[in-house]
C-alpha cells in the first residue's frame, strides 16, 4: 500500500492541491478528513494511482473505526 507521501509525490498535476490537503490531515491525525479527500481523488480516475488512493482511504477509515471502538487499543 502506498503512503500519503508517495501518493503526493506521484500525483497527477490536477490532484496536487488535494494531496496537499491529505498530507496536512495525516500530519494532524485527522484520518477521517484524509480519507474523504482520498476517496474523492480515487473517484476521479481509473489509473493505478487512483486505485492506491482508494486503498489508503479504506485504511484510514479503519483507523477511524478503531478509534471509535470502545475498549480497543487506539494506537493502531
PDB file of N, CA and C in Angstrom:
ATOM      1  N   UNK A   1       0.843  -1.169   0.000  1.00  0.00           N
ATOM      2  CA  UNK A   1       0.000   0.000   0.000  1.00  0.00           C
ATOM      3  C   UNK A   1       0.895   1.240   0.000  1.00  0.00           C
ATOM      4  N   UNK A   2       0.508   2.208  -0.789  1.00  0.00           N
ATOM      5  CA  UNK A   2       1.250   3.467  -0.876  1.00  0.00           C
ATOM      6  C   UNK A   2       0.972   4.334   0.348  1.00  0.00           C
ATOM      7  N   UNK A   3       1.925   5.163   0.693  1.00  0.00           N
ATOM      8  CA  UNK A   3       1.735   6.130   1.773  1.00  0.00           C
ATOM      9  C   UNK A   3       1.196   7.434   1.185  1.00  0.00           C
ATOM     10  N   UNK A   4       0.702   8.302   2.058  1.00  0.00           N
ATOM     11  CA  UNK A   4       0.221   9.604   1.605  1.00  0.00           C
ATOM     12  C   UNK A   4       1.347  10.382   0.931  1.00  0.00           C
ATOM     13  N   UNK A   5       2.547  10.274   1.475  1.00  0.00           N
ATOM     14  CA  UNK A   5       3.689  10.978   0.887  1.00  0.00           C
ATOM     15  C   UNK A   5       3.981  10.458  -0.519  1.00  0.00           C
ATOM     16  N   UNK A   6       3.973   9.149  -0.686  1.00  0.00           N
ATOM     17  CA  UNK A   6       4.224   8.567  -2.008  1.00  0.00           C
ATOM     18  C   UNK A   6       3.162   9.004  -3.010  1.00  0.00           C
ATOM     19  N   UNK A   7       1.910   9.057  -2.565  1.00  0.00           N
ATOM     20  CA  UNK A   7       0.839   9.499  -3.462  1.00  0.00           C
ATOM     21  C   UNK A   7       0.990  10.976  -3.810  1.00  0.00           C
ATOM     22  N   UNK A   8       1.397  11.792  -2.848  1.00  0.00           N
ATOM     23  CA  UNK A   8       1.631  13.211  -3.116  1.00  0.00           C
ATOM     24  C   UNK A   8       2.746  13.390  -4.136  1.00  0.00           C
ATOM     25  N   UNK A   9       3.826  12.660  -3.969  1.00  0.00           N
ATOM     26  CA  UNK A   9       4.974  12.802  -4.865  1.00  0.00           C
ATOM     27  C   UNK A   9       4.698  12.279  -6.273  1.00  0.00           C
ATOM     28  N   UNK A  10       3.727  11.404  -6.423  1.00  0.00           N
ATOM     29  CA  UNK A  10       3.461  10.809  -7.735  1.00  0.00           C
ATOM     30  C   UNK A  10       2.115  11.217  -8.323  1.00  0.00           C
ATOM     31  N   UNK A  11       1.443  12.181  -7.711  1.00  0.00           N
ATOM     32  CA  UNK A  11       0.083  12.508  -8.148  1.00  0.00           C
ATOM     33  C   UNK A  11       0.064  13.258  -9.478  1.00  0.00           C
ATOM     34  N   UNK A  12      -1.049  13.093 -10.207  1.00  0.00           N
ATOM     35  CA  UNK A  12      -1.235  13.886 -11.422  1.00  0.00           C
ATOM     36  C   UNK A  12      -1.308  15.377 -11.063  1.00  0.00           C
ATOM     37  N   UNK A  13      -0.970  16.216 -12.005  1.00  0.00           N
ATOM     38  CA  UNK A  13      -0.947  17.662 -11.751  1.00  0.00           C
ATOM     39  C   UNK A  13      -2.275  18.196 -11.218  1.00  0.00           C
ATOM     40  N   UNK A  14      -3.390  17.623 -11.685  1.00  0.00           N
ATOM     41  CA  UNK A  14      -4.693  18.130 -11.256  1.00  0.00           C
ATOM     42  C   UNK A  14      -5.079  17.674  -9.848  1.00  0.00           C
ATOM     43  N   UNK A  15      -4.222  16.900  -9.188  1.00  0.00           N
ATOM     44  CA  UNK A  15      -4.511  16.409  -7.839  1.00  0.00           C
ATOM     45  C   UNK A  15      -3.551  16.954  -6.778  1.00  0.00           C
ATOM     46  N   UNK A  16      -2.669  17.848  -7.158  1.00  0.00           N
ATOM     47  CA  UNK A  16      -1.653  18.342  -6.220  1.00  0.00           C
ATOM     48  C   UNK A  16      -2.281  19.023  -5.009  1.00  0.00           C
ATOM     49  N   UNK A  17      -3.220  19.918  -5.224  1.00  0.00           N
ATOM     50  CA  UNK A  17      -3.840  20.631  -4.109  1.00  0.00           C
ATOM     51  C   UNK A  17      -4.550  19.662  -3.178  1.00  0.00           C
ATOM     52  N   UNK A  18      -5.288  18.728  -3.749  1.00  0.00           N
ATOM     53  CA  UNK A  18      -6.000  17.749  -2.930  1.00  0.00           C
ATOM     54  C   UNK A  18      -5.025  16.912  -2.100  1.00  0.00           C
ATOM     55  N   UNK A  19      -3.941  16.494  -2.708  1.00  0.00           N
ATOM     56  CA  UNK A  19      -2.991  15.657  -1.980  1.00  0.00           C
ATOM     57  C   UNK A  19      -2.249  16.448  -0.904  1.00  0.00           C
ATOM     58  N   UNK A  20      -2.088  17.739  -1.103  1.00  0.00           N
ATOM     59  CA  UNK A  20      -1.522  18.569  -0.034  1.00  0.00           C
ATOM     60  C   UNK A  20      -2.475  18.604   1.159  1.00  0.00           C
ATOM     61  N   UNK A  21      -3.781  18.642   0.879  1.00  0.00           N
ATOM     62  CA  UNK A  21      -4.776  18.596   1.955  1.00  0.00           C
ATOM     63  C   UNK A  21      -4.722  17.259   2.687  1.00  0.00           C
ATOM     64  N   UNK A  22      -4.542  16.183   1.928  1.00  0.00           N
ATOM     65  CA  UNK A  22      -4.403  14.858   2.542  1.00  0.00           C
ATOM     66  C   UNK A  22      -3.184  14.847   3.453  1.00  0.00           C
ATOM     67  N   UNK A  23      -2.071  15.338   2.950  1.00  0.00           N
ATOM     68  CA  UNK A  23      -0.820  15.347   3.716  1.00  0.00           C
ATOM     69  C   UNK A  23      -0.986  16.116   5.022  1.00  0.00           C
ATOM     70  N   UNK A  24      -1.639  17.290   4.965  1.00  0.00           N
ATOM     71  CA  UNK A  24      -1.870  18.088   6.168  1.00  0.00           C
ATOM     72  C   UNK A  24      -2.768  17.350   7.153  1.00  0.00           C
ATOM     73  N   UNK A  25      -3.818  16.708   6.638  1.00  0.00           N
ATOM     74  CA  UNK A  25      -4.739  15.970   7.506  1.00  0.00           C
ATOM     75  C   UNK A  25      -4.030  14.809   8.195  1.00  0.00           C
ATOM     76  N   UNK A  26      -3.209  14.095   7.464  1.00  0.00           N
ATOM     77  CA  UNK A  26      -2.456  12.978   8.048  1.00  0.00           C
ATOM     78  C   UNK A  26      -1.517  13.494   9.138  1.00  0.00           C
ATOM     79  N   UNK A  27      -0.825  14.581   8.858  1.00  0.00           N
ATOM     80  CA  UNK A  27       0.112  15.144   9.839  1.00  0.00           C
ATOM     81  C   UNK A  27      -0.603  15.548  11.126  1.00  0.00           C
ATOM     82  N   UNK A  28      -1.868  15.951  10.999  1.00  0.00           N
ATOM     83  CA  UNK A  28      -2.650  16.365  12.165  1.00  0.00           C
ATOM     84  C   UNK A  28      -3.413  15.205  12.798  1.00  0.00           C
ATOM     85  N   UNK A  29      -3.307  14.019  12.210  1.00  0.00           N
ATOM     86  CA  UNK A  29      -4.038  12.865  12.741  1.00  0.00           C
ATOM     87  C   UNK A  29      -5.517  12.896  12.431  1.00  0.00           C
ATOM     88  N   UNK A  30      -5.902  13.662  11.430  1.00  0.00           N
ATOM     89  CA  UNK A  30      -7.302  13.782  11.018  1.00  0.00           C
ATOM     90  C   UNK A  30      -7.604  12.736   9.941  1.00  0.00           C
ATOM     91  N   UNK A  31      -7.714  11.472  10.372  1.00  0.00           N
ATOM     92  CA  UNK A  31      -7.848  10.358   9.433  1.00  0.00           C
ATOM     93  C   UNK A  31      -9.124  10.434   8.605  1.00  0.00           C
ATOM     94  N   UNK A  32     -10.221  10.866   9.226  1.00  0.00           N
ATOM     95  CA  UNK A  32     -11.497  10.955   8.502  1.00  0.00           C
ATOM     96  C   UNK A  32     -11.400  11.972   7.364  1.00  0.00           C
ATOM     97  N   UNK A  33     -10.805  13.109   7.640  1.00  0.00           N
ATOM     98  CA  UNK A  33     -10.636  14.136   6.608  1.00  0.00           C
ATOM     99  C   UNK A  33      -9.713  13.646   5.494  1.00  0.00           C
ATOM    100  N   UNK A  34      -8.628  12.998   5.865  1.00  0.00           N
ATOM    101  CA  UNK A  34      -7.702  12.465   4.863  1.00  0.00           C
ATOM    102  C   UNK A  34      -8.401  11.441   3.979  1.00  0.00           C
ATOM    103  N   UNK A  35      -9.183  10.553   4.596  1.00  0.00           N
ATOM    104  CA  UNK A  35      -9.908   9.530   3.832  1.00  0.00           C
ATOM    105  C   UNK A  35     -10.903  10.173   2.871  1.00  0.00           C
ATOM    106  N   UNK A  36     -11.562  11.217   3.316  1.00  0.00           N
ATOM    107  CA  UNK A  36     -12.528  11.930   2.468  1.00  0.00           C
ATOM    108  C   UNK A  36     -11.854  12.445   1.190  1.00  0.00           C
ATOM    109  N   UNK A  37     -10.736  13.118   1.341  1.00  0.00           N
ATOM    110  CA  UNK A  37     -10.028  13.659   0.177  1.00  0.00           C
ATOM    111  C   UNK A  37      -9.494  12.540  -0.717  1.00  0.00           C
ATOM    112  N   UNK A  38      -9.028  11.467  -0.112  1.00  0.00           N
ATOM    113  CA  UNK A  38      -8.519  10.342  -0.906  1.00  0.00           C
ATOM    114  C   UNK A  38      -9.633   9.661  -1.689  1.00  0.00           C
ATOM    115  N   UNK A  39     -10.801   9.506  -1.077  1.00  0.00           N
ATOM    116  CA  UNK A  39     -11.936   8.905  -1.806  1.00  0.00           C
ATOM    117  C   UNK A  39     -12.329   9.773  -2.997  1.00  0.00           C
ATOM    118  N   UNK A  40     -12.329  11.082  -2.799  1.00  0.00           N
ATOM    119  CA  UNK A  40     -12.644  11.976  -3.915  1.00  0.00           C
ATOM    120  C   UNK A  40     -11.622  11.829  -5.034  1.00  0.00           C
ATOM    121  N   UNK A  41     -10.363  11.760  -4.685  1.00  0.00           N
ATOM    122  CA  UNK A  41      -9.318  11.568  -5.697  1.00  0.00           C
ATOM    123  C   UNK A  41      -9.511  10.240  -6.413  1.00  0.00           C
ATOM    124  N   UNK A  42      -9.808   9.191  -5.663  1.00  0.00           N
ATOM    125  CA  UNK A  42      -9.981   7.856  -6.250  1.00  0.00           C
ATOM    126  C   UNK A  42     -11.134   7.824  -7.241  1.00  0.00           C
ATOM    127  N   UNK A  43     -12.158   8.615  -6.987  1.00  0.00           N
ATOM    128  CA  UNK A  43     -13.347   8.589  -7.845  1.00  0.00           C
ATOM    129  C   UNK A  43     -13.163   9.372  -9.145  1.00  0.00           C
ATOM    130  N   UNK A  44     -12.055  10.073  -9.285  1.00  0.00           N
ATOM    131  CA  UNK A  44     -11.858  10.924 -10.455  1.00  0.00           C
ATOM    132  C   UNK A  44     -10.972  10.315 -11.532  1.00  0.00           C
ATOM    133  N   UNK A  45     -10.703   9.036 -11.444  1.00  0.00           N
ATOM    134  CA  UNK A  45      -9.883   8.402 -12.473  1.00  0.00           C
ATOM    135  C   UNK A  45      -9.831   6.902 -12.299  1.00  0.00           C
ATOM    136  N   UNK A  46      -9.159   6.254 -13.242  1.00  0.00           N
ATOM    137  CA  UNK A  46      -9.094   4.796 -13.225  1.00  0.00           C
ATOM    138  C   UNK A  46      -7.666   4.265 -13.263  1.00  0.00           C
ATOM    139  N   UNK A  47      -6.696   5.112 -13.040  1.00  0.00           N
ATOM    140  CA  UNK A  47      -5.299   4.659 -13.072  1.00  0.00           C
ATOM    141  C   UNK A  47      -4.955   3.924 -11.776  1.00  0.00           C
ATOM    142  N   UNK A  48      -3.787   3.320 -11.751  1.00  0.00           N
ATOM    143  CA  UNK A  48      -3.350   2.640 -10.526  1.00  0.00           C
ATOM    144  C   UNK A  48      -3.181   3.651  -9.392  1.00  0.00           C
ATOM    145  N   UNK A  49      -2.775   4.875  -9.713  1.00  0.00           N
ATOM    146  CA  UNK A  49      -2.642   5.911  -8.686  1.00  0.00           C
ATOM    147  C   UNK A  49      -3.990   6.149  -8.007  1.00  0.00           C
ATOM    148  N   UNK A  50      -5.045   6.254  -8.803  1.00  0.00           N
ATOM    149  CA  UNK A  50      -6.382   6.456  -8.247  1.00  0.00           C
ATOM    150  C   UNK A  50      -6.792   5.263  -7.382  1.00  0.00           C
ATOM    151  N   UNK A  51      -6.440   4.068  -7.826  1.00  0.00           N
ATOM    152  CA  UNK A  51      -6.723   2.871  -7.037  1.00  0.00           C
ATOM    153  C   UNK A  51      -6.000   2.877  -5.701  1.00  0.00           C
ATOM    154  N   UNK A  52      -4.753   3.328  -5.707  1.00  0.00           N
ATOM    155  CA  UNK A  52      -3.986   3.414  -4.458  1.00  0.00           C
ATOM    156  C   UNK A  52      -4.618   4.422  -3.501  1.00  0.00           C
ATOM    157  N   UNK A  53      -5.183   5.485  -4.047  1.00  0.00           N
ATOM    158  CA  UNK A  53      -5.886   6.460  -3.199  1.00  0.00           C
ATOM    159  C   UNK A  53      -7.065   5.793  -2.498  1.00  0.00           C
ATOM    160  N   UNK A  54      -7.813   4.985  -3.237  1.00  0.00           N
ATOM    161  CA  UNK A  54      -8.941   4.273  -2.641  1.00  0.00           C
ATOM    162  C   UNK A  54      -8.503   3.306  -1.553  1.00  0.00           C
ATOM    163  N   UNK A  55      -7.403   2.605  -1.780  1.00  0.00           N
ATOM    164  CA  UNK A  55      -6.881   1.668  -0.774  1.00  0.00           C
ATOM    165  C   UNK A  55      -6.483   2.399   0.502  1.00  0.00           C
ATOM    166  N   UNK A  56      -5.791   3.512   0.346  1.00  0.00           N
ATOM    167  CA  UNK A  56      -5.346   4.258   1.519  1.00  0.00           C
ATOM    168  C   UNK A  56      -6.539   4.876   2.256  1.00  0.00           C
ATOM    169  N   UNK A  57      -7.553   5.312   1.513  1.00  0.00           N
ATOM    170  CA  UNK A  57      -8.768   5.833   2.151  1.00  0.00           C
ATOM    171  C   UNK A  57      -9.402   4.755   3.023  1.00  0.00           C
ATOM    172  N   UNK A  58      -9.458   3.531   2.521  1.00  0.00           N
ATOM    173  CA  UNK A  58     -10.004   2.427   3.305  1.00  0.00           C
ATOM    174  C   UNK A  58      -9.196   2.174   4.570  1.00  0.00           C
ATOM    175  N   UNK A  59      -7.888   2.265   4.450  1.00  0.00           N
ATOM    176  CA  UNK A  59      -7.010   2.086   5.614  1.00  0.00           C
ATOM    177  C   UNK A  59      -7.289   3.165   6.660  1.00  0.00           C
ATOM    178  N   UNK A  60      -7.444   4.397   6.225  1.00  0.00           N
ATOM    179  CA  UNK A  60      -7.727   5.487   7.159  1.00  0.00           C
ATOM    180  C   UNK A  60      -9.120   5.345   7.759  1.00  0.00           C
ATOM    181  N   UNK A  61     -10.090   4.858   6.979  1.00  0.00           N
ATOM    182  CA  UNK A  61     -11.427   4.601   7.525  1.00  0.00           C
ATOM    183  C   UNK A  61     -11.355   3.578   8.657  1.00  0.00           C
ATOM    184  N   UNK A  62     -10.523   2.561   8.496  1.00  0.00           N
ATOM    185  CA  UNK A  62     -10.363   1.557   9.555  1.00  0.00           C
ATOM    186  C   UNK A  62      -9.732   2.179  10.804  1.00  0.00           C
ATOM    187  N   UNK A  63      -8.818   3.116  10.617  1.00  0.00           N
ATOM    188  CA  UNK A  63      -8.228   3.821  11.769  1.00  0.00           C
ATOM    189  C   UNK A  63      -9.317   4.574  12.534  1.00  0.00           C
ATOM    190  N   UNK A  64     -10.204   5.237  11.807  1.00  0.00           N
ATOM    191  CA  UNK A  64     -11.295   5.980  12.439  1.00  0.00           C
ATOM    192  C   UNK A  64     -12.193   5.018  13.205  1.00  0.00           C
ATOM    193  N   UNK A  65     -12.516   3.881  12.597  1.00  0.00           N
ATOM    194  CA  UNK A  65     -13.376   2.894  13.250  1.00  0.00           C
ATOM    195  C   UNK A  65     -12.724   2.356  14.521  1.00  0.00           C
ATOM    196  N   UNK A  66     -11.420   2.141  14.485  1.00  0.00           N
ATOM    197  CA  UNK A  66     -10.706   1.652  15.666  1.00  0.00           C
ATOM    198  C   UNK A  66     -10.738   2.686  16.789  1.00  0.00           C
ATOM    199  N   UNK A  67     -10.662   3.943  16.443  1.00  0.00           N
ATOM    200  CA  UNK A  67     -10.684   4.997  17.455  1.00  0.00           C
ATOM    201  C   UNK A  67     -12.047   5.080  18.125  1.00  0.00           C
ATOM    202  N   UNK A  68     -13.085   4.714  17.393  1.00  0.00           N
ATOM    203  CA  UNK A  68     -14.442   4.796  17.931  1.00  0.00           C
ATOM    204  C   UNK A  68     -14.834   3.561  18.724  1.00  0.00           C
ATOM    205  N   UNK A  69     -14.142   2.450  18.511  1.00  0.00           N
ATOM    206  CA  UNK A  69     -14.491   1.199  19.183  1.00  0.00           C
ATOM    207  C   UNK A  69     -14.050   1.260  20.646  1.00  0.00           C
ATOM    208  N   UNK A  70     -15.000   1.143  21.574  1.00  0.00           N
ATOM    209  CA  UNK A  70     -14.633   1.217  22.993  1.00  0.00           C
ATOM    210  C   UNK A  70     -13.831  -0.007  23.426  1.00  0.00           C
ATOM    211  N   UNK A  71     -12.877   0.234  24.297  1.00  0.00           N
ATOM    212  CA  UNK A  71     -12.109  -0.853  24.878  1.00  0.00           C
ATOM    213  C   UNK A  71     -10.992  -1.396  24.020  1.00  0.00           C
ATOM    214  N   UNK A  72     -10.793  -0.839  22.849  1.00  0.00           N
ATOM    215  CA  UNK A  72      -9.720  -1.306  21.981  1.00  0.00           C
ATOM    216  C   UNK A  72      -8.545  -0.350  22.062  1.00  0.00           C
ATOM    217  N   UNK A  73      -7.379  -0.889  21.835  1.00  0.00           N
ATOM    218  CA  UNK A  73      -6.179  -0.057  21.805  1.00  0.00           C
ATOM    219  C   UNK A  73      -6.242   0.811  20.559  1.00  0.00           C
ATOM    220  N   UNK A  74      -6.276   2.096  20.725  1.00  0.00           N
ATOM    221  CA  UNK A  74      -6.447   3.014  19.600  1.00  0.00           C
ATOM    222  C   UNK A  74      -5.129   3.490  19.016  1.00  0.00           C
ATOM    223  N   UNK A  75      -4.051   2.824  19.290  1.00  0.00           N
ATOM    224  CA  UNK A  75      -2.753   3.238  18.790  1.00  0.00           C
ATOM    225  C   UNK A  75      -2.439   2.660  17.426  1.00  0.00           C
ATOM    226  N   UNK A  76      -3.346   1.904  16.837  1.00  0.00           N
ATOM    227  CA  UNK A  76      -3.088   1.237  15.547  1.00  0.00           C
ATOM    228  C   UNK A  76      -2.809   2.215  14.451  1.00  0.00           C
TER     229      UNK A  76
END
